Every structure is written in structure tokens, then in C-alpha cells.
Amino acid sequence: MENYMNFGEVLQTKRKSMGLTQEDLADKLFVSSKTISNWETNKTTPDIDNVIRISQLFDISLNNLLLEGSNMVENIKKNSEIKESKIYLACSSVTNLVFLFVFAVSLIFGELPDIISIPLAVGTFFNLFCVLYFSKRYRMLSNTMWASRTKKQKIWSLLFSITLVAVLFAIIFFIRFKYNAF
């Protein structure tokens, strides 16, 4: 059985054979030297764009790069899904904030017609489920544990959760006062 090097070992070997420091390689790939260090120690893997740049820079076939690091393809797919989930989560969150703003402004400038307010309330309600789904998907994909998060990440998570609750209450109050429901 042949002994293959993993991606980090290949990267480190090729970098050193070209006489490059981690900082030099980082400059060529437009990433930080910490990122290069993480790649070389297999803590993280590069995205597909950087894999292509590395392939071209070191004249290594993509096939060799992707197959020698056995988990490379899976990590690239996972990182792509995480990025996609973050985008959907951000879009859904911003949309809900816009809906909440429209509700708040309608109280100041006068009621919205039913033909607008009902679809807006229904859209906000269903959009809230999208936010919950993509936040759960993001957490599952990124395997982020609360204790391992930075203070800034914890603050953003709390603000996000508070915003979700505010949107939910806004929907409930809107329906309650507009239609005397519940």
C-alpha cells in the first residue's frame, strides 16, 4: 500500500521546496499566514478557489491535491454549505427586520390596508421559520459549541436570538391588535 501525504504535508513540502515562508505563500494566495499554518496542520482546509491557486502555483494536479487529503473534498463541500446557510440566514433575518420596520412604521403613519398587512404578517411568520431552519443548519454544519465561541460571536448570537423573539412578538401583537385575535 502506498503512503500518501495529506494536504497539509503536501502544502508544507511544496512551500519549503520553493523556498517560501508561510508569509510569502499567504501573500501569494491573499490569505493570512495563520490560515497557511492552519492548512499545513490540517486544522482547516482551503476553499476550492485557493485549492486551484495552490495547484497552479506548485504545478500539482487538482486530482492529486484533492485525493491525497482524503477529507479535502468533504471539507470543501461542508464549507460551501456553511457559507450558503449563512447567506440564507442573513437574507431571511434582514427580510424579517424589514417586515418588522414596516409594521412599526404603520403604527406611526397609519394602518396598512388588509390586502398588504395580511400577506406581510403571513410572510413574516413563514420567514421566521426560514430563519430558524437556517440557523439550526448553520449550527449543525459548523459544529459550533457555545463554550468555544468568542465574546463577539456570543454577543451576535444573543442579539440574533433577541431579534427573532422580537419579530415573533411583533407578529403576535400585530395579529392581536389588528384583528382582535386570541
C-alpha atoms as a PDB file:
ATOM      1  CA  MET A   1       0.000   0.000   0.000  1.00  0.00           C
ATOM      2  CA  GLU A   2       1.329   3.406  -0.986  1.00  0.00           C
ATOM      3  CA  ASN A   3       1.852   6.003   1.713  1.00  0.00           C
ATOM      4  CA  TYR A   4       0.109   9.235   0.690  1.00  0.00           C
ATOM      5  CA  MET A   5       0.746  12.610   2.260  1.00  0.00           C
ATOM      6  CA  ASN A   6      -2.244  14.565   3.462  1.00  0.00           C
ATOM      7  CA  PHE A   7      -2.974  18.028   2.081  1.00  0.00           C
ATOM      8  CA  GLY A   8      -1.116  19.855   4.846  1.00  0.00           C
ATOM      9  CA  GLU A   9       2.006  17.794   4.332  1.00  0.00           C
ATOM     10  CA  VAL A  10       1.890  18.313   0.557  1.00  0.00           C
ATOM     11  CA  LEU A  11       1.444  22.058   1.006  1.00  0.00           C
ATOM     12  CA  GLN A  12       4.263  22.357   3.527  1.00  0.00           C
ATOM     13  CA  THR A  13       6.645  20.226   1.450  1.00  0.00           C
ATOM     14  CA  LYS A  14       5.966  22.172  -1.765  1.00  0.00           C
ATOM     15  CA  ARG A  15       6.180  25.529   0.021  1.00  0.00           C
ATOM     16  CA  LYS A  16       9.550  24.676   1.543  1.00  0.00           C
ATOM     17  CA  SER A  17      10.899  23.210  -1.710  1.00  0.00           C
ATOM     18  CA  MET A  18      10.191  26.569  -3.384  1.00  0.00           C
ATOM     19  CA  GLY A  19      11.906  28.399  -0.514  1.00  0.00           C
ATOM     20  CA  LEU A  20       8.729  30.190   0.570  1.00  0.00           C
ATOM     21  CA  THR A  21       7.829  31.119   4.115  1.00  0.00           C
ATOM     22  CA  GLN A  22       4.231  30.863   5.297  1.00  0.00           C
ATOM     23  CA  GLU A  23       4.021  34.646   4.996  1.00  0.00           C
ATOM     24  CA  ASP A  24       5.272  34.530   1.377  1.00  0.00           C
ATOM     25  CA  LEU A  25       2.693  31.910   0.448  1.00  0.00           C
ATOM     26  CA  ALA A  26      -0.018  33.818   2.306  1.00  0.00           C
ATOM     27  CA  ASP A  27       0.777  36.929   0.252  1.00  0.00           C
ATOM     28  CA  LYS A  28       0.571  34.957  -2.996  1.00  0.00           C
ATOM     29  CA  LEU A  29      -2.785  33.446  -2.054  1.00  0.00           C
ATOM     30  CA  PHE A  30      -4.228  36.610  -0.451  1.00  0.00           C
ATOM     31  CA  VAL A  31      -4.773  34.945   2.921  1.00  0.00           C
ATOM     32  CA  SER A  32      -3.172  35.315   6.346  1.00  0.00           C
ATOM     33  CA  SER A  33      -0.110  33.385   7.464  1.00  0.00           C
ATOM     34  CA  LYS A  34      -2.305  31.928  10.239  1.00  0.00           C
ATOM     35  CA  THR A  35      -4.517  30.457   7.518  1.00  0.00           C
ATOM     36  CA  ILE A  36      -1.493  28.825   5.871  1.00  0.00           C
ATOM     37  CA  SER A  37      -0.460  27.438   9.258  1.00  0.00           C
ATOM     38  CA  ASN A  38      -3.956  26.010   9.795  1.00  0.00           C
ATOM     39  CA  TRP A  39      -3.898  24.392   6.347  1.00  0.00           C
ATOM     40  CA  GLU A  40      -0.470  22.872   6.926  1.00  0.00           C
ATOM     41  CA  THR A  41      -1.514  21.408  10.277  1.00  0.00           C
ATOM     42  CA  ASN A  42      -4.822  20.200   8.775  1.00  0.00           C
ATOM     43  CA  LYS A  43      -6.870  22.246  11.244  1.00  0.00           C
ATOM     44  CA  THR A  44      -8.765  23.746   8.304  1.00  0.00           C
ATOM     45  CA  THR A  45      -8.862  23.266   4.559  1.00  0.00           C
ATOM     46  CA  PRO A  46      -8.868  25.887   1.827  1.00  0.00           C
ATOM     47  CA  ASP A  47     -11.876  26.684  -0.301  1.00  0.00           C
ATOM     48  CA  ILE A  48     -11.933  25.495  -3.907  1.00  0.00           C
ATOM     49  CA  ASP A  49     -10.568  28.794  -5.251  1.00  0.00           C
ATOM     50  CA  ASN A  50      -7.475  28.511  -3.084  1.00  0.00           C
ATOM     51  CA  VAL A  51      -7.046  24.834  -3.955  1.00  0.00           C
ATOM     52  CA  ILE A  52      -6.937  25.860  -7.618  1.00  0.00           C
ATOM     53  CA  ARG A  53      -4.421  28.640  -6.870  1.00  0.00           C
ATOM     54  CA  ILE A  54      -2.232  26.215  -4.911  1.00  0.00           C
ATOM     55  CA  SER A  55      -2.460  23.691  -7.732  1.00  0.00           C
ATOM     56  CA  GLN A  56      -1.299  26.288 -10.249  1.00  0.00           C
ATOM     57  CA  LEU A  57       1.368  27.796  -8.010  1.00  0.00           C
ATOM     58  CA  PHE A  58       3.019  24.478  -7.179  1.00  0.00           C
ATOM     59  CA  ASP A  59       2.194  22.768 -10.508  1.00  0.00           C
ATOM     60  CA  ILE A  60       0.302  19.940  -8.801  1.00  0.00           C
ATOM     61  CA  SER A  61      -2.738  18.351 -10.408  1.00  0.00           C
ATOM     62  CA  LEU A  62      -6.040  19.034  -8.699  1.00  0.00           C
ATOM     63  CA  ASN A  63      -6.613  15.304  -8.664  1.00  0.00           C
ATOM     64  CA  ASN A  64      -3.511  14.771  -6.523  1.00  0.00           C
ATOM     65  CA  LEU A  65      -4.366  17.621  -4.163  1.00  0.00           C
ATOM     66  CA  LEU A  66      -7.964  16.582  -3.641  1.00  0.00           C
ATOM     67  CA  LEU A  67      -7.403  12.851  -3.383  1.00  0.00           C
ATOM     68  CA  GLU A  68      -4.297  12.856  -1.215  1.00  0.00           C
ATOM     69  CA  GLY A  69      -6.066  14.785   1.516  1.00  0.00           C
ATOM     70  CA  SER A  70      -8.888  12.260   1.875  1.00  0.00           C
ATOM     71  CA  ASN A  71     -11.239  14.606   3.713  1.00  0.00           C
ATOM     72  CA  MET A  72     -10.456  17.562   1.449  1.00  0.00           C
ATOM     73  CA  VAL A  73     -13.486  17.231  -0.839  1.00  0.00           C
ATOM     74  CA  GLU A  74     -15.865  16.742   2.095  1.00  0.00           C
ATOM     75  CA  ASN A  75     -14.451  19.803   3.873  1.00  0.00           C
ATOM     76  CA  ILE A  76     -14.810  21.944   0.759  1.00  0.00           C
ATOM     77  CA  LYS A  77     -18.441  20.830   0.377  1.00  0.00           C
ATOM     78  CA  LYS A  78     -19.129  21.450   4.065  1.00  0.00           C
ATOM     79  CA  ASN A  79     -17.555  24.928   3.940  1.00  0.00           C
ATOM     80  CA  SER A  80     -19.633  25.726   0.876  1.00  0.00           C
ATOM     81  CA  GLU A  81     -22.824  24.617   2.657  1.00  0.00           C
ATOM     82  CA  ILE A  82     -21.897  26.664   5.728  1.00  0.00           C
ATOM     83  CA  LYS A  83     -21.367  29.745   3.562  1.00  0.00           C
ATOM     84  CA  GLU A  84     -24.672  29.124   1.776  1.00  0.00           C
ATOM     85  CA  SER A  85     -26.523  28.711   5.075  1.00  0.00           C
ATOM     86  CA  LYS A  86     -25.025  31.953   6.407  1.00  0.00           C
ATOM     87  CA  ILE A  87     -26.187  33.820   3.299  1.00  0.00           C
ATOM     88  CA  TYR A  88     -29.739  32.438   3.533  1.00  0.00           C
ATOM     89  CA  LEU A  89     -29.801  33.122   7.256  1.00  0.00           C
ATOM     90  CA  ALA A  90     -28.668  36.710   6.743  1.00  0.00           C
ATOM     91  CA  CYS A  91     -31.203  37.321   3.956  1.00  0.00           C
ATOM     92  CA  SER A  92     -34.069  35.864   5.982  1.00  0.00           C
ATOM     93  CA  SER A  93     -33.054  37.871   9.046  1.00  0.00           C
ATOM     94  CA  VAL A  94     -32.815  41.131   7.126  1.00  0.00           C
ATOM     95  CA  THR A  95     -36.177  40.456   5.479  1.00  0.00           C
ATOM     96  CA  ASN A  96     -37.788  39.928   8.875  1.00  0.00           C
ATOM     97  CA  LEU A  97     -36.260  43.151  10.154  1.00  0.00           C
ATOM     98  CA  VAL A  98     -37.692  44.992   7.136  1.00  0.00           C
ATOM     99  CA  PHE A  99     -41.111  43.448   7.832  1.00  0.00           C
ATOM    100  CA  LEU A 100     -40.837  44.485  11.484  1.00  0.00           C
ATOM    101  CA  PHE A 101     -39.903  48.011  10.408  1.00  0.00           C
ATOM    102  CA  VAL A 102     -42.941  48.203   8.107  1.00  0.00           C
ATOM    103  CA  PHE A 103     -45.188  47.095  10.989  1.00  0.00           C
ATOM    104  CA  ALA A 104     -43.646  49.667  13.319  1.00  0.00           C
ATOM    105  CA  VAL A 105     -43.910  52.485  10.791  1.00  0.00           C
ATOM    106  CA  SER A 106     -47.524  51.590  10.013  1.00  0.00           C
ATOM    107  CA  LEU A 107     -48.408  52.346  13.641  1.00  0.00           C
ATOM    108  CA  ILE A 108     -46.937  55.839  13.224  1.00  0.00           C
ATOM    109  CA  PHE A 109     -48.194  56.717   9.731  1.00  0.00           C
ATOM    110  CA  GLY A 110     -51.483  54.892   9.770  1.00  0.00           C
ATOM    111  CA  GLU A 111     -52.735  51.392   9.297  1.00  0.00           C
ATOM    112  CA  LEU A 112     -51.860  49.335   6.275  1.00  0.00           C
ATOM    113  CA  PRO A 113     -54.697  48.085   4.130  1.00  0.00           C
ATOM    114  CA  ASP A 114     -55.679  44.471   4.812  1.00  0.00           C
ATOM    115  CA  ILE A 115     -54.534  43.460   1.347  1.00  0.00           C
ATOM    116  CA  ILE A 116     -50.997  44.412   2.379  1.00  0.00           C
ATOM    117  CA  SER A 117     -50.969  43.683   6.093  1.00  0.00           C
ATOM    118  CA  ILE A 118     -52.242  40.094   5.881  1.00  0.00           C
ATOM    119  CA  PRO A 119     -49.631  38.886   3.346  1.00  0.00           C
ATOM    120  CA  LEU A 120     -46.983  40.823   5.263  1.00  0.00           C
ATOM    121  CA  ALA A 121     -47.898  39.082   8.528  1.00  0.00           C
ATOM    122  CA  VAL A 122     -48.066  35.662   6.854  1.00  0.00           C
ATOM    123  CA  GLY A 123     -44.755  36.286   5.049  1.00  0.00           C
ATOM    124  CA  THR A 124     -43.068  37.333   8.274  1.00  0.00           C
ATOM    125  CA  PHE A 125     -44.380  34.270  10.069  1.00  0.00           C
ATOM    126  CA  PHE A 126     -43.116  31.847   7.418  1.00  0.00           C
ATOM    127  CA  ASN A 127     -39.876  33.754   7.017  1.00  0.00           C
ATOM    128  CA  LEU A 128     -39.295  33.264  10.742  1.00  0.00           C
ATOM    129  CA  PHE A 129     -39.310  29.509  10.110  1.00  0.00           C
ATOM    130  CA  CYS A 130     -36.677  30.025   7.395  1.00  0.00           C
ATOM    131  CA  VAL A 131     -34.510  31.893   9.885  1.00  0.00           C
ATOM    132  CA  LEU A 132     -34.903  29.118  12.455  1.00  0.00           C
ATOM    133  CA  TYR A 133     -34.161  26.407   9.887  1.00  0.00           C
ATOM    134  CA  PHE A 134     -31.016  28.049   8.501  1.00  0.00           C
ATOM    135  CA  SER A 135     -29.703  28.980  11.941  1.00  0.00           C
ATOM    136  CA  LYS A 136     -30.100  25.343  13.026  1.00  0.00           C
ATOM    137  CA  ARG A 137     -28.484  24.142   9.789  1.00  0.00           C
ATOM    138  CA  TYR A 138     -25.582  26.553  10.230  1.00  0.00           C
ATOM    139  CA  ARG A 139     -25.012  25.438  13.829  1.00  0.00           C
ATOM    140  CA  MET A 140     -25.087  21.777  12.833  1.00  0.00           C
ATOM    141  CA  LEU A 141     -22.706  22.227   9.898  1.00  0.00           C
ATOM    142  CA  SER A 142     -20.239  24.425  11.713  1.00  0.00           C
ATOM    143  CA  ASN A 143     -20.298  22.324  14.904  1.00  0.00           C
ATOM    144  CA  THR A 144     -20.013  25.462  16.961  1.00  0.00           C
ATOM    145  CA  MET A 145     -20.291  24.894  20.671  1.00  0.00           C
ATOM    146  CA  TRP A 146     -21.226  27.825  22.909  1.00  0.00           C
ATOM    147  CA  ALA A 147     -18.132  27.478  25.104  1.00  0.00           C
ATOM    148  CA  SER A 148     -15.776  27.637  22.108  1.00  0.00           C
ATOM    149  CA  ARG A 149     -17.239  30.874  20.735  1.00  0.00           C
ATOM    150  CA  THR A 150     -15.545  34.224  21.114  1.00  0.00           C
ATOM    151  CA  LYS A 151     -17.190  37.002  23.106  1.00  0.00           C
ATOM    152  CA  LYS A 152     -18.116  38.793  19.875  1.00  0.00           C
ATOM    153  CA  GLN A 153     -19.768  35.632  18.474  1.00  0.00           C
ATOM    154  CA  LYS A 154     -21.727  35.164  21.696  1.00  0.00           C
ATOM    155  CA  ILE A 155     -22.970  38.760  21.576  1.00  0.00           C
ATOM    156  CA  TRP A 156     -24.076  38.400  17.949  1.00  0.00           C
ATOM    157  CA  SER A 157     -25.830  35.113  18.749  1.00  0.00           C
ATOM    158  CA  LEU A 158     -27.696  36.719  21.634  1.00  0.00           C
ATOM    159  CA  LEU A 159     -28.659  39.749  19.542  1.00  0.00           C
ATOM    160  CA  PHE A 160     -29.853  37.448  16.793  1.00  0.00           C
ATOM    161  CA  SER A 161     -31.966  35.429  19.237  1.00  0.00           C
ATOM    162  CA  ILE A 162     -33.448  38.581  20.771  1.00  0.00           C
ATOM    163  CA  THR A 163     -34.295  39.856  17.290  1.00  0.00           C
ATOM    164  CA  LEU A 164     -36.065  36.594  16.448  1.00  0.00           C
ATOM    165  CA  VAL A 165     -38.129  36.836  19.614  1.00  0.00           C
ATOM    166  CA  ALA A 166     -38.929  40.494  18.859  1.00  0.00           C
ATOM    167  CA  VAL A 167     -40.123  39.594  15.366  1.00  0.00           C
ATOM    168  CA  LEU A 168     -42.293  36.801  16.736  1.00  0.00           C
ATOM    169  CA  PHE A 169     -43.849  39.115  19.334  1.00  0.00           C
ATOM    170  CA  ALA A 170     -44.375  41.796  16.713  1.00  0.00           C
ATOM    171  CA  ILE A 171     -46.315  39.329  14.590  1.00  0.00           C
ATOM    172  CA  ILE A 172     -48.401  38.202  17.568  1.00  0.00           C
ATOM    173  CA  PHE A 173     -49.160  41.780  18.676  1.00  0.00           C
ATOM    174  CA  PHE A 174     -49.970  42.824  15.134  1.00  0.00           C
ATOM    175  CA  ILE A 175     -52.453  39.994  14.706  1.00  0.00           C
ATOM    176  CA  ARG A 176     -53.824  40.531  18.220  1.00  0.00           C
ATOM    177  CA  PHE A 177     -54.488  44.252  17.912  1.00  0.00           C
ATOM    178  CA  LYS A 178     -55.310  44.418  14.223  1.00  0.00           C
ATOM    179  CA  TYR A 179     -57.808  41.563  14.195  1.00  0.00           C
ATOM    180  CA  ASN A 180     -58.648  41.171  17.900  1.00  0.00           C
ATOM    181  CA  ALA A 181     -57.499  37.566  17.682  1.00  0.00           C
ATOM    182  CA  PHE A 182     -56.593  35.381  20.705  1.00  0.00           C
END
